[in-house]
PDB file of N, CA and C in Angstrom:
ATOM      1  N   MET A   1     102.375  83.387 116.678  1.00  0.00           N
ATOM      2  CA  MET A   1     101.882  83.718 117.920  1.00  0.00           C
ATOM      3  C   MET A   1     100.819  82.647 118.214  1.00  0.00           C
ATOM      4  N   PHE A   2     100.151  82.055 117.371  1.00  0.00           N
ATOM      5  CA  PHE A   2      99.133  80.993 117.609  1.00  0.00           C
ATOM      6  C   PHE A   2      99.968  79.701 118.185  1.00  0.00           C
ATOM      7  N   SER A   3     101.063  79.353 117.582  1.00  0.00           N
ATOM      8  CA  SER A   3     101.832  78.279 118.080  1.00  0.00           C
ATOM      9  C   SER A   3     102.367  78.495 119.461  1.00  0.00           C
ATOM     10  N   LYS A   4     102.955  79.709 119.557  1.00  0.00           N
ATOM     11  CA  LYS A   4     103.547  80.059 120.882  1.00  0.00           C
ATOM     12  C   LYS A   4     102.629  80.056 122.049  1.00  0.00           C
ATOM     13  N   ASN A   5     101.385  80.378 121.670  1.00  0.00           N
ATOM     14  CA  ASN A   5     100.342  80.343 122.790  1.00  0.00           C
ATOM     15  C   ASN A   5      99.351  79.152 122.775  1.00  0.00           C
ATOM     16  N   ALA A   6      99.749  78.156 121.927  1.00  0.00           N
ATOM     17  CA  ALA A   6      99.017  76.908 121.823  1.00  0.00           C
ATOM     18  C   ALA A   6      97.551  77.229 121.496  1.00  0.00           C
ATOM     19  N   ILE A   7      97.319  78.037 120.575  1.00  0.00           N
ATOM     20  CA  ILE A   7      95.913  78.533 120.176  1.00  0.00           C
ATOM     21  C   ILE A   7      95.644  77.789 118.873  1.00  0.00           C
ATOM     22  N   PRO A   8      94.534  76.876 118.904  1.00  0.00           N
ATOM     23  CA  PRO A   8      94.236  76.201 117.657  1.00  0.00           C
ATOM     24  C   PRO A   8      93.551  77.188 116.823  1.00  0.00           C
ATOM     25  N   TYR A   9      93.862  77.077 115.488  1.00  0.00           N
ATOM     26  CA  TYR A   9      93.264  77.969 114.479  1.00  0.00           C
ATOM     27  C   TYR A   9      92.978  77.246 113.143  1.00  0.00           C
ATOM     28  N   ASP A  10      92.028  77.676 112.486  1.00  0.00           N
ATOM     29  CA  ASP A  10      91.534  77.142 111.241  1.00  0.00           C
ATOM     30  C   ASP A  10      92.720  77.296 110.223  1.00  0.00           C
ATOM     31  N   ASN A  11      93.137  76.272 109.529  1.00  0.00           N
ATOM     32  CA  ASN A  11      94.435  76.313 108.754  1.00  0.00           C
ATOM     33  C   ASN A  11      94.058  77.038 107.391  1.00  0.00           C
ATOM     34  N   ARG A  12      92.740  77.385 107.202  1.00  0.00           N
ATOM     35  CA  ARG A  12      92.263  78.140 105.920  1.00  0.00           C
ATOM     36  C   ARG A  12      92.336  79.662 106.098  1.00  0.00           C
ATOM     37  N   ILE A  13      92.758  80.140 107.311  1.00  0.00           N
ATOM     38  CA  ILE A  13      92.927  81.499 107.522  1.00  0.00           C
ATOM     39  C   ILE A  13      93.908  82.065 106.568  1.00  0.00           C
ATOM     40  N   ASN A  14      93.448  83.179 105.950  1.00  0.00           N
ATOM     41  CA  ASN A  14      94.294  83.902 104.971  1.00  0.00           C
ATOM     42  C   ASN A  14      94.874  85.121 105.881  1.00  0.00           C
ATOM     43  N   PHE A  15      95.992  84.879 106.426  1.00  0.00           N
ATOM     44  CA  PHE A  15      96.709  85.855 107.253  1.00  0.00           C
ATOM     45  C   PHE A  15      97.181  87.195 106.528  1.00  0.00           C
ATOM     46  N   THR A  16      97.317  87.023 105.151  1.00  0.00           N
ATOM     47  CA  THR A  16      97.656  88.236 104.367  1.00  0.00           C
ATOM     48  C   THR A  16      96.655  89.216 104.281  1.00  0.00           C
ATOM     49  N   THR A  17      95.305  88.905 104.567  1.00  0.00           N
ATOM     50  CA  THR A  17      94.291  89.866 104.517  1.00  0.00           C
ATOM     51  C   THR A  17      94.426  90.896 105.617  1.00  0.00           C
ATOM     52  N   LEU A  18      95.249  90.634 106.620  1.00  0.00           N
ATOM     53  CA  LEU A  18      95.436  91.529 107.804  1.00  0.00           C
ATOM     54  C   LEU A  18      96.759  92.289 107.811  1.00  0.00           C
ATOM     55  N   THR A  19      97.479  92.057 106.776  1.00  0.00           N
ATOM     56  CA  THR A  19      98.848  92.630 106.611  1.00  0.00           C
ATOM     57  C   THR A  19      98.791  94.177 106.630  1.00  0.00           C
ATOM     58  N   ASP A  20      97.893  94.755 105.925  1.00  0.00           N
ATOM     59  CA  ASP A  20      97.838  96.169 105.929  1.00  0.00           C
ATOM     60  C   ASP A  20      97.472  96.883 107.156  1.00  0.00           C
ATOM     61  N   ARG A  21      96.531  96.302 107.880  1.00  0.00           N
ATOM     62  CA  ARG A  21      96.032  96.924 109.031  1.00  0.00           C
ATOM     63  C   ARG A  21      97.031  96.619 110.330  1.00  0.00           C
ATOM     64  N   THR A  22      97.926  95.644 110.195  1.00  0.00           N
ATOM     65  CA  THR A  22      98.833  95.299 111.238  1.00  0.00           C
ATOM     66  C   THR A  22     100.393  95.670 110.884  1.00  0.00           C
ATOM     67  N   TYR A  23     100.538  96.471 109.866  1.00  0.00           N
ATOM     68  CA  TYR A  23     101.836  96.643 109.285  1.00  0.00           C
ATOM     69  C   TYR A  23     102.903  97.082 110.254  1.00  0.00           C
ATOM     70  N   HIS A  24     102.651  98.106 111.107  1.00  0.00           N
ATOM     71  CA  HIS A  24     103.541  98.571 112.062  1.00  0.00           C
ATOM     72  C   HIS A  24     103.504  97.953 113.463  1.00  0.00           C
ATOM     73  N   PHE A  25     102.668  96.924 113.613  1.00  0.00           N
ATOM     74  CA  PHE A  25     102.482  96.350 114.881  1.00  0.00           C
ATOM     75  C   PHE A  25     103.651  95.505 115.322  1.00  0.00           C
ATOM     76  N   SER A  26     103.921  95.499 116.576  1.00  0.00           N
ATOM     77  CA  SER A  26     105.112  94.731 117.226  1.00  0.00           C
ATOM     78  C   SER A  26     104.640  93.325 117.370  1.00  0.00           C
ATOM     79  N   GLY A  27     105.518  92.410 117.657  1.00  0.00           N
ATOM     80  CA  GLY A  27     105.241  91.025 118.058  1.00  0.00           C
ATOM     81  C   GLY A  27     104.209  91.054 119.209  1.00  0.00           C
ATOM     82  N   ALA A  28     104.508  91.889 120.134  1.00  0.00           N
ATOM     83  CA  ALA A  28     103.573  91.858 121.336  1.00  0.00           C
ATOM     84  C   ALA A  28     102.162  92.344 120.914  1.00  0.00           C
ATOM     85  N   ASP A  29     102.045  93.352 120.007  1.00  0.00           N
ATOM     86  CA  ASP A  29     100.779  93.611 119.479  1.00  0.00           C
ATOM     87  C   ASP A  29     100.011  92.399 118.732  1.00  0.00           C
ATOM     88  N   LEU A  30     100.776  91.773 117.913  1.00  0.00           N
ATOM     89  CA  LEU A  30     100.180  90.548 117.213  1.00  0.00           C
ATOM     90  C   LEU A  30      99.865  89.481 118.226  1.00  0.00           C
ATOM     91  N   GLU A  31     100.581  89.328 119.196  1.00  0.00           N
ATOM     92  CA  GLU A  31     100.191  88.332 120.254  1.00  0.00           C
ATOM     93  C   GLU A  31      98.944  88.701 120.977  1.00  0.00           C
ATOM     94  N   VAL A  32      98.723  89.946 121.244  1.00  0.00           N
ATOM     95  CA  VAL A  32      97.506  90.319 121.944  1.00  0.00           C
ATOM     96  C   VAL A  32      96.288  89.997 120.997  1.00  0.00           C
ATOM     97  N   ILE A  33      96.480  90.295 119.726  1.00  0.00           N
ATOM     98  CA  ILE A  33      95.444  90.034 118.705  1.00  0.00           C
ATOM     99  C   ILE A  33      95.218  88.593 118.562  1.00  0.00           C
ATOM    100  N   ALA A  34      96.234  87.691 118.594  1.00  0.00           N
ATOM    101  CA  ALA A  34      96.033  86.220 118.541  1.00  0.00           C
ATOM    102  C   ALA A  34      95.234  85.770 119.700  1.00  0.00           C
ATOM    103  N   VAL A  35      95.613  86.170 120.848  1.00  0.00           N
ATOM    104  CA  VAL A  35      94.968  85.765 122.153  1.00  0.00           C
ATOM    105  C   VAL A  35      93.538  86.189 122.141  1.00  0.00           C
ATOM    106  N   ARG A  36      93.371  87.518 121.760  1.00  0.00           N
ATOM    107  CA  ARG A  36      92.015  87.960 121.722  1.00  0.00           C
ATOM    108  C   ARG A  36      91.129  87.274 120.708  1.00  0.00           C
ATOM    109  N   SER A  37      91.719  86.819 119.638  1.00  0.00           N
ATOM    110  CA  SER A  37      90.915  86.076 118.591  1.00  0.00           C
ATOM    111  C   SER A  37      90.375  84.717 119.170  1.00  0.00           C
ATOM    112  N   TYR A  38      91.314  84.200 119.992  1.00  0.00           N
ATOM    113  CA  TYR A  38      90.941  82.904 120.710  1.00  0.00           C
ATOM    114  C   TYR A  38      89.753  83.254 121.682  1.00  0.00           C
ATOM    115  N   HIS A  39      89.875  84.311 122.453  1.00  0.00           N
ATOM    116  CA  HIS A  39      88.650  84.762 123.240  1.00  0.00           C
ATOM    117  C   HIS A  39      87.532  84.816 122.500  1.00  0.00           C
ATOM    118  N   ASN A  40      87.558  85.517 121.346  1.00  0.00           N
ATOM    119  CA  ASN A  40      86.274  85.567 120.526  1.00  0.00           C
ATOM    120  C   ASN A  40      85.743  84.263 120.089  1.00  0.00           C
ATOM    121  N   ALA A  41      86.572  83.279 119.712  1.00  0.00           N
ATOM    122  CA  ALA A  41      86.244  82.020 119.481  1.00  0.00           C
ATOM    123  C   ALA A  41      85.579  81.317 120.641  1.00  0.00           C
ATOM    124  N   ARG A  42      86.118  81.403 121.755  1.00  0.00           N
ATOM    125  CA  ARG A  42      85.580  80.838 122.975  1.00  0.00           C
ATOM    126  C   ARG A  42      84.210  81.427 123.358  1.00  0.00           C
ATOM    127  N   GLN A  43      84.067  82.779 123.094  1.00  0.00           N
ATOM    128  CA  GLN A  43      82.688  83.335 123.383  1.00  0.00           C
ATOM    129  C   GLN A  43      81.576  82.721 122.475  1.00  0.00           C
ATOM    130  N   GLN A  44      82.076  82.265 121.295  1.00  0.00           N
ATOM    131  CA  GLN A  44      81.204  81.506 120.455  1.00  0.00           C
ATOM    132  C   GLN A  44      81.146  80.010 120.625  1.00  0.00           C
ATOM    133  N   GLU A  45      81.718  79.607 121.768  1.00  0.00           N
ATOM    134  CA  GLU A  45      81.780  78.165 122.152  1.00  0.00           C
ATOM    135  C   GLU A  45      82.467  77.314 121.189  1.00  0.00           C
ATOM    136  N   ARG A  46      83.563  77.923 120.596  1.00  0.00           N
ATOM    137  CA  ARG A  46      84.378  77.096 119.592  1.00  0.00           C
ATOM    138  C   ARG A  46      85.850  77.076 120.244  1.00  0.00           C
ATOM    139  N   ASP A  47      86.492  76.019 119.900  1.00  0.00           N
ATOM    140  CA  ASP A  47      87.903  75.884 120.368  1.00  0.00           C
ATOM    141  C   ASP A  47      88.921  76.301 119.296  1.00  0.00           C
ATOM    142  N   THR A  48      88.380  76.482 118.123  1.00  0.00           N
ATOM    143  CA  THR A  48      89.325  76.860 116.985  1.00  0.00           C
ATOM    144  C   THR A  48      89.051  78.313 116.473  1.00  0.00           C
ATOM    145  N   VAL A  49      90.064  79.101 116.318  1.00  0.00           N
ATOM    146  CA  VAL A  49      90.032  80.454 115.731  1.00  0.00           C
ATOM    147  C   VAL A  49      89.677  80.461 114.330  1.00  0.00           C
ATOM    148  N   THR A  50      88.729  81.176 113.935  1.00  0.00           N
ATOM    149  CA  THR A  50      88.465  81.343 112.509  1.00  0.00           C
ATOM    150  C   THR A  50      88.925  82.742 112.011  1.00  0.00           C
ATOM    151  N   GLU A  51      88.892  82.901 110.726  1.00  0.00           N
ATOM    152  CA  GLU A  51      89.363  84.230 110.216  1.00  0.00           C
ATOM    153  C   GLU A  51      88.464  85.360 110.672  1.00  0.00           C
ATOM    154  N   GLU A  52      87.178  85.064 110.855  1.00  0.00           N
ATOM    155  CA  GLU A  52      86.232  86.044 111.477  1.00  0.00           C
ATOM    156  C   GLU A  52      86.692  86.508 112.900  1.00  0.00           C
ATOM    157  N   ASP A  53      87.053  85.558 113.638  1.00  0.00           N
ATOM    158  CA  ASP A  53      87.520  85.879 114.976  1.00  0.00           C
ATOM    159  C   ASP A  53      88.706  86.621 114.942  1.00  0.00           C
ATOM    160  N   LEU A  54      89.772  86.262 114.124  1.00  0.00           N
ATOM    161  CA  LEU A  54      90.992  87.059 113.984  1.00  0.00           C
ATOM    162  C   LEU A  54      90.647  88.496 113.464  1.00  0.00           C
ATOM    163  N   THR A  55      89.914  88.588 112.502  1.00  0.00           N
ATOM    164  CA  THR A  55      89.632  89.924 111.913  1.00  0.00           C
ATOM    165  C   THR A  55      88.905  90.846 112.985  1.00  0.00           C
ATOM    166  N   LYS A  56      88.007  90.266 113.707  1.00  0.00           N
ATOM    167  CA  LYS A  56      87.408  91.039 114.763  1.00  0.00           C
ATOM    168  C   LYS A  56      88.360  91.473 115.723  1.00  0.00           C
ATOM    169  N   ALA A  57      89.308  90.586 116.160  1.00  0.00           N
ATOM    170  CA  ALA A  57      90.338  90.983 117.123  1.00  0.00           C
ATOM    171  C   ALA A  57      91.256  92.100 116.557  1.00  0.00           C
ATOM    172  N   ALA A  58      91.633  91.998 115.388  1.00  0.00           N
ATOM    173  CA  ALA A  58      92.474  93.101 114.757  1.00  0.00           C
ATOM    174  C   ALA A  58      91.686  94.413 114.663  1.00  0.00           C
ATOM    175  N   ASP A  59      90.464  94.299 114.268  1.00  0.00           N
ATOM    176  CA  ASP A  59      89.611  95.539 114.189  1.00  0.00           C
ATOM    177  C   ASP A  59      89.437  96.154 115.478  1.00  0.00           C
ATOM    178  N   GLU A  60      89.402  95.515 116.544  1.00  0.00           N
ATOM    179  CA  GLU A  60      89.207  95.922 118.021  1.00  0.00           C
ATOM    180  C   GLU A  60      90.494  96.515 118.561  1.00  0.00           C
ATOM    181  N   PHE A  61      91.577  96.153 118.058  1.00  0.00           N
ATOM    182  CA  PHE A  61      92.892  96.421 118.624  1.00  0.00           C
ATOM    183  C   PHE A  61      93.255  98.017 118.455  1.00  0.00           C
ATOM    184  N   ILE A  62      93.730  98.561 119.483  1.00  0.00           N
ATOM    185  CA  ILE A  62      94.097 100.021 119.439  1.00  0.00           C
ATOM    186  C   ILE A  62      95.670 100.034 119.651  1.00  0.00           C
ATOM    187  N   PRO A  63      96.442 100.255 118.669  1.00  0.00           N
ATOM    188  CA  PRO A  63      97.853 100.295 118.847  1.00  0.00           C
ATOM    189  C   PRO A  63      98.201 101.565 119.750  1.00  0.00           C
ATOM    190  N   ASP A  64      99.329 101.363 120.526  1.00  0.00           N
ATOM    191  CA  ASP A  64      99.738 102.441 121.511  1.00  0.00           C
ATOM    192  C   ASP A  64     100.736 103.431 120.931  1.00  0.00           C
ATOM    193  N   ARG A  65     100.895 103.452 119.607  1.00  0.00           N
ATOM    194  CA  ARG A  65     101.790 104.430 119.168  1.00  0.00           C
ATOM    195  C   ARG A  65     101.244 105.038 117.802  1.00  0.00           C
ATOM    196  N   ASP A  66     101.589 106.284 117.495  1.00  0.00           N
ATOM    197  CA  ASP A  66     101.179 106.769 116.196  1.00  0.00           C
ATOM    198  C   ASP A  66     102.188 106.651 115.135  1.00  0.00           C
ATOM    199  N   PRO A  67     101.802 106.778 113.810  1.00  0.00           N
ATOM    200  CA  PRO A  67     102.803 106.575 112.749  1.00  0.00           C
ATOM    201  C   PRO A  67     103.965 107.532 112.813  1.00  0.00           C
ATOM    202  N   ASP A  68     103.864 108.761 113.243  1.00  0.00           N
ATOM    203  CA  ASP A  68     104.772 109.699 113.361  1.00  0.00           C
ATOM    204  C   ASP A  68     105.836 109.221 114.358  1.00  0.00           C
ATOM    205  N   MET A  69     105.330 108.751 115.545  1.00  0.00           N
ATOM    206  CA  MET A  69     106.214 108.291 116.601  1.00  0.00           C
ATOM    207  C   MET A  69     107.044 107.013 116.049  1.00  0.00           C
ATOM    208  N   TYR A  70     106.350 106.128 115.410  1.00  0.00           N
ATOM    209  CA  TYR A  70     106.952 104.992 114.752  1.00  0.00           C
ATOM    210  C   TYR A  70     108.166 105.367 113.886  1.00  0.00           C
ATOM    211  N   GLU A  71     107.865 106.375 112.976  1.00  0.00           N
ATOM    212  CA  GLU A  71     108.919 106.754 112.055  1.00  0.00           C
ATOM    213  C   GLU A  71     110.081 107.419 112.954  1.00  0.00           C
ATOM    214  N   TYR A  72     109.777 108.206 113.871  1.00  0.00           N
ATOM    215  CA  TYR A  72     110.822 108.704 114.676  1.00  0.00           C
ATOM    216  C   TYR A  72     111.653 107.701 115.297  1.00  0.00           C
ATOM    217  N   MET A  73     111.069 106.651 115.966  1.00  0.00           N
ATOM    218  CA  MET A  73     111.815 105.611 116.650  1.00  0.00           C
ATOM    219  C   MET A  73     112.659 104.816 115.561  1.00  0.00           C
ATOM    220  N   MET A  74     112.092 104.566 114.449  1.00  0.00           N
ATOM    221  CA  MET A  74     112.802 103.799 113.417  1.00  0.00           C
ATOM    222  C   MET A  74     114.052 104.575 112.946  1.00  0.00           C
ATOM    223  N   LEU A  75     113.867 105.846 112.718  1.00  0.00           N
ATOM    224  CA  LEU A  75     114.978 106.692 112.232  1.00  0.00           C
ATOM    225  C   LEU A  75     116.097 106.834 113.306  1.00  0.00           C
ATOM    226  N   LEU A  76     115.652 107.018 114.590  1.00  0.00           N
ATOM    227  CA  LEU A  76     116.658 107.027 115.678  1.00  0.00           C
ATOM    228  C   LEU A  76     117.536 105.677 115.695  1.00  0.00           C
ATOM    229  N   ALA A  77     116.782 104.566 115.567  1.00  0.00           N
ATOM    230  CA  ALA A  77     117.467 103.312 115.599  1.00  0.00           C
ATOM    231  C   ALA A  77     118.495 103.153 114.405  1.00  0.00           C
ATOM    232  N   ILE A  78     117.901 103.527 113.260  1.00  0.00           N
ATOM    233  CA  ILE A  78     118.867 103.467 112.034  1.00  0.00           C
ATOM    234  C   ILE A  78     120.019 104.470 112.130  1.00  0.00           C
ATOM    235  N   ARG A  79     119.717 105.655 112.530  1.00  0.00           N
ATOM    236  CA  ARG A  79     120.849 106.613 112.773  1.00  0.00           C
ATOM    237  C   ARG A  79     121.927 106.151 113.682  1.00  0.00           C
ATOM    238  N   GLU A  80     121.568 105.487 114.697  1.00  0.00           N
ATOM    239  CA  GLU A  80     122.587 104.870 115.672  1.00  0.00           C
ATOM    240  C   GLU A  80     123.172 103.580 115.155  1.00  0.00           C
ATOM    241  N   SER A  81     122.700 102.920 114.136  1.00  0.00           N
ATOM    242  CA  SER A  81     123.287 101.740 113.562  1.00  0.00           C
ATOM    243  C   SER A  81     124.712 102.080 112.963  1.00  0.00           C
ATOM    244  N   ASN A  82     125.555 101.185 113.285  1.00  0.00           N
ATOM    245  CA  ASN A  82     126.932 101.358 112.706  1.00  0.00           C
ATOM    246  C   ASN A  82     127.403 100.229 111.807  1.00  0.00           C
ATOM    247  N   ILE A  83     126.448  99.299 111.579  1.00  0.00           N
ATOM    248  CA  ILE A  83     126.764  98.158 110.635  1.00  0.00           C
ATOM    249  C   ILE A  83     125.677  98.129 109.564  1.00  0.00           C
ATOM    250  N   VAL A  84     125.885  98.310 108.391  1.00  0.00           N
ATOM    251  CA  VAL A  84     124.926  98.375 107.300  1.00  0.00           C
ATOM    252  C   VAL A  84     124.058  97.188 107.279  1.00  0.00           C
ATOM    253  N   PRO A  85     124.361  95.918 107.401  1.00  0.00           N
ATOM    254  CA  PRO A  85     123.418  94.828 107.385  1.00  0.00           C
ATOM    255  C   PRO A  85     122.331  94.934 108.420  1.00  0.00           C
ATOM    256  N   LEU A  86     122.594  95.760 109.409  1.00  0.00           N
ATOM    257  CA  LEU A  86     121.518  95.745 110.561  1.00  0.00           C
ATOM    258  C   LEU A  86     120.339  96.629 110.116  1.00  0.00           C
ATOM    259  N   VAL A  87     120.587  97.497 109.011  1.00  0.00           N
ATOM    260  CA  VAL A  87     119.527  98.380 108.603  1.00  0.00           C
ATOM    261  C   VAL A  87     118.766  97.666 107.475  1.00  0.00           C
ATOM    262  N   PRO A  88     117.451  97.610 107.564  1.00  0.00           N
ATOM    263  CA  PRO A  88     116.624  96.844 106.544  1.00  0.00           C
ATOM    264  C   PRO A  88     116.893  97.442 105.174  1.00  0.00           C
ATOM    265  N   LYS A  89     117.074  96.619 104.302  1.00  0.00           N
ATOM    266  CA  LYS A  89     117.229  97.164 102.832  1.00  0.00           C
ATOM    267  C   LYS A  89     115.946  97.783 102.284  1.00  0.00           C
ATOM    268  N   LEU A  90     114.850  97.131 102.653  1.00  0.00           N
ATOM    269  CA  LEU A  90     113.516  97.484 102.090  1.00  0.00           C
ATOM    270  C   LEU A  90     112.762  98.154 103.157  1.00  0.00           C
ATOM    271  N   LEU A  91     112.676  99.415 103.144  1.00  0.00           N
ATOM    272  CA  LEU A  91     111.747 100.106 104.101  1.00  0.00           C
ATOM    273  C   LEU A  91     110.584 100.603 103.321  1.00  0.00           C
ATOM    274  N   GLU A  92     109.466 100.942 104.031  1.00  0.00           N
ATOM    275  CA  GLU A  92     108.331 101.458 103.366  1.00  0.00           C
ATOM    276  C   GLU A  92     108.636 102.759 102.664  1.00  0.00           C
ATOM    277  N   GLY A  93     107.901 103.091 101.629  1.00  0.00           N
ATOM    278  CA  GLY A  93     108.151 104.253 100.737  1.00  0.00           C
ATOM    279  C   GLY A  93     108.785 105.422 101.298  1.00  0.00           C
ATOM    280  N   ALA A  94     108.121 106.259 102.083  1.00  0.00           N
ATOM    281  CA  ALA A  94     108.620 107.512 102.569  1.00  0.00           C
ATOM    282  C   ALA A  94     109.835 107.309 103.478  1.00  0.00           C
ATOM    283  N   LEU A  95     109.863 106.289 104.305  1.00  0.00           N
ATOM    284  CA  LEU A  95     111.037 106.011 105.060  1.00  0.00           C
ATOM    285  C   LEU A  95     112.301 105.588 104.270  1.00  0.00           C
ATOM    286  N   GLN A  96     112.042 104.899 103.202  1.00  0.00           N
ATOM    287  CA  GLN A  96     113.060 104.612 102.358  1.00  0.00           C
ATOM    288  C   GLN A  96     113.776 105.749 101.662  1.00  0.00           C
ATOM    289  N   ASN A  97     112.905 106.839 101.305  1.00  0.00           N
ATOM    290  CA  ASN A  97     113.453 108.005 100.778  1.00  0.00           C
ATOM    291  C   ASN A  97     114.141 108.921 101.880  1.00  0.00           C
ATOM    292  N   ARG A  98     113.842 108.714 103.067  1.00  0.00           N
ATOM    293  CA  ARG A  98     114.403 109.538 104.269  1.00  0.00           C
ATOM    294  C   ARG A  98     115.699 108.962 104.747  1.00  0.00           C
ATOM    295  N   VAL A  99     115.900 107.673 104.351  1.00  0.00           N
ATOM    296  CA  VAL A  99     117.091 106.919 104.854  1.00  0.00           C
ATOM    297  C   VAL A  99     118.265 106.862 103.855  1.00  0.00           C
ATOM    298  N   TYR A 100     117.909 106.601 102.533  1.00  0.00           N
ATOM    299  CA  TYR A 100     118.831 106.281 101.640  1.00  0.00           C
ATOM    300  C   TYR A 100     118.991 107.547 100.610  1.00  0.00           C
ATOM    301  N   GLU A 101     120.264 107.766 100.266  1.00  0.00           N
ATOM    302  CA  GLU A 101     120.503 108.809  99.165  1.00  0.00           C
ATOM    303  C   GLU A 101     121.486 108.195  98.258  1.00  0.00           C
ATOM    304  N   ASP A 102     121.154 108.082  96.928  1.00  0.00           N
ATOM    305  CA  ASP A 102     122.055 107.383  96.023  1.00  0.00           C
ATOM    306  C   ASP A 102     122.512 106.006  96.438  1.00  0.00           C
ATOM    307  N   GLY A 103     121.595 105.308  96.939  1.00  0.00           N
ATOM    308  CA  GLY A 103     121.806 103.936  97.380  1.00  0.00           C
ATOM    309  C   GLY A 103     122.543 103.713  98.620  1.00  0.00           C
ATOM    310  N   LYS A 104     122.847 104.819  99.327  1.00  0.00           N
ATOM    311  CA  LYS A 104     123.713 104.654 100.559  1.00  0.00           C
ATOM    312  C   LYS A 104     122.848 105.362 101.633  1.00  0.00           C
ATOM    313  N   ILE A 105     123.113 104.906 102.957  1.00  0.00           N
ATOM    314  CA  ILE A 105     122.460 105.528 104.108  1.00  0.00           C
ATOM    315  C   ILE A 105     122.980 106.878 104.363  1.00  0.00           C
ATOM    316  N   SER A 106     122.107 107.836 104.424  1.00  0.00           N
ATOM    317  CA  SER A 106     122.486 109.235 104.643  1.00  0.00           C
ATOM    318  C   SER A 106     122.057 109.635 106.117  1.00  0.00           C
ATOM    319  N   LYS A 107     123.047 109.659 106.937  1.00  0.00           N
ATOM    320  CA  LYS A 107     122.719 110.015 108.266  1.00  0.00           C
ATOM    321  C   LYS A 107     122.353 111.554 108.330  1.00  0.00           C
ATOM    322  N   ALA A 108     122.876 112.359 107.497  1.00  0.00           N
ATOM    323  CA  ALA A 108     122.439 113.784 107.383  1.00  0.00           C
ATOM    324  C   ALA A 108     120.932 113.898 107.131  1.00  0.00           C
ATOM    325  N   LYS A 109     120.443 113.119 106.145  1.00  0.00           N
ATOM    326  CA  LYS A 109     119.014 113.099 105.856  1.00  0.00           C
ATOM    327  C   LYS A 109     118.107 112.538 106.963  1.00  0.00           C
ATOM    328  N   ILE A 110     118.701 111.556 107.659  1.00  0.00           N
ATOM    329  CA  ILE A 110     117.929 110.922 108.754  1.00  0.00           C
ATOM    330  C   ILE A 110     117.979 111.904 109.932  1.00  0.00           C
ATOM    331  N   SER A 111     119.053 112.654 110.247  1.00  0.00           N
ATOM    332  CA  SER A 111     119.025 113.577 111.362  1.00  0.00           C
ATOM    333  C   SER A 111     118.123 114.801 111.012  1.00  0.00           C
ATOM    334  N   GLN A 112     118.041 115.192 109.771  1.00  0.00           N
ATOM    335  CA  GLN A 112     117.093 116.275 109.339  1.00  0.00           C
ATOM    336  C   GLN A 112     115.644 115.839 109.688  1.00  0.00           C
ATOM    337  N   ARG A 113     115.359 114.737 109.218  1.00  0.00           N
ATOM    338  CA  ARG A 113     113.967 114.312 109.401  1.00  0.00           C
ATOM    339  C   ARG A 113     113.674 114.134 110.922  1.00  0.00           C
ATOM    340  N   ILE A 114     114.633 113.558 111.720  1.00  0.00           N
ATOM    341  CA  ILE A 114     114.479 113.431 113.142  1.00  0.00           C
ATOM    342  C   ILE A 114     114.035 114.810 113.743  1.00  0.00           C
ATOM    343  N   ARG A 115     114.884 115.804 113.357  1.00  0.00           N
ATOM    344  CA  ARG A 115     114.569 117.211 113.908  1.00  0.00           C
ATOM    345  C   ARG A 115     113.132 117.684 113.471  1.00  0.00           C
ATOM    346  N   GLU A 116     112.838 117.353 112.313  1.00  0.00           N
ATOM    347  CA  GLU A 116     111.406 117.695 111.823  1.00  0.00           C
ATOM    348  C   GLU A 116     110.311 117.037 112.744  1.00  0.00           C
ATOM    349  N   LEU A 117     110.562 115.750 112.941  1.00  0.00           N
ATOM    350  CA  LEU A 117     109.614 114.967 113.754  1.00  0.00           C
ATOM    351  C   LEU A 117     109.629 115.435 115.225  1.00  0.00           C
ATOM    352  N   GLU A 118     110.752 115.798 115.712  1.00  0.00           N
ATOM    353  CA  GLU A 118     110.861 116.261 117.151  1.00  0.00           C
ATOM    354  C   GLU A 118     110.007 117.485 117.268  1.00  0.00           C
ATOM    355  N   SER A 119     110.046 118.395 116.227  1.00  0.00           N
ATOM    356  CA  SER A 119     109.271 119.571 116.260  1.00  0.00           C
ATOM    357  C   SER A 119     107.761 119.356 116.151  1.00  0.00           C
ATOM    358  N   GLN A 120     107.488 118.475 115.214  1.00  0.00           N
ATOM    359  CA  GLN A 120     106.118 117.976 114.996  1.00  0.00           C
ATOM    360  C   GLN A 120     105.501 117.387 116.161  1.00  0.00           C
ATOM    361  N   LEU A 121     106.287 116.509 116.760  1.00  0.00           N
ATOM    362  CA  LEU A 121     105.812 115.747 117.908  1.00  0.00           C
ATOM    363  C   LEU A 121     106.068 116.518 119.278  1.00  0.00           C
ATOM    364  N   ARG A 122     106.509 117.652 119.134  1.00  0.00           N
ATOM    365  CA  ARG A 122     106.850 118.559 120.322  1.00  0.00           C
ATOM    366  C   ARG A 122     107.772 117.791 121.322  1.00  0.00           C
ATOM    367  N   LEU A 123     108.742 117.232 120.817  1.00  0.00           N
ATOM    368  CA  LEU A 123     109.723 116.549 121.769  1.00  0.00           C
ATOM    369  C   LEU A 123     110.785 117.444 121.998  1.00  0.00           C
ATOM    370  N   ARG A 124     111.305 117.426 123.175  1.00  0.00           N
ATOM    371  CA  ARG A 124     112.546 118.264 123.579  1.00  0.00           C
ATOM    372  C   ARG A 124     113.706 117.342 123.550  1.00  0.00           C
ATOM    373  N   ARG A 125     114.708 117.899 123.011  1.00  0.00           N
ATOM    374  CA  ARG A 125     116.000 117.094 123.062  1.00  0.00           C
ATOM    375  C   ARG A 125     116.870 117.590 124.165  1.00  0.00           C
ATOM    376  N   SER A 126     117.390 116.642 124.866  1.00  0.00           N
ATOM    377  CA  SER A 126     118.338 117.135 125.853  1.00  0.00           C
ATOM    378  C   SER A 126     119.702 117.160 125.202  1.00  0.00           C
ATOM    379  N   ARG A 127     120.391 118.174 125.534  1.00  0.00           N
ATOM    380  CA  ARG A 127     121.745 118.437 124.937  1.00  0.00           C
ATOM    381  C   ARG A 127     122.810 118.355 126.074  1.00  0.00           C
TER     382      ARG A 127
END
């Protein structure tokens, strides 16, 4: 995102320190954080983003979806997949257990979890 937006940054930034807090973020979310980090640098009259600028931008960012909705959307996408290579082999812990059974994708397990989430999220299914 820094290259895409021509944002100069300190090449000593350890981007892995932000991995946990940006795990479910979309590319658009990461782009907002990158641009905001540049804004933070410019407020300090610097042209180059530092790790401090980036961390501050990530801390200030409010994602527009909650984890349950993220899981729901992921499961819907996986359930509708018809080609195995399109489904990520490595999913995060709980999601991995909800998608695979005996090493194979279980659409029944996925559908069951989707129904649970629809109830939990108070979503109405159209029939």
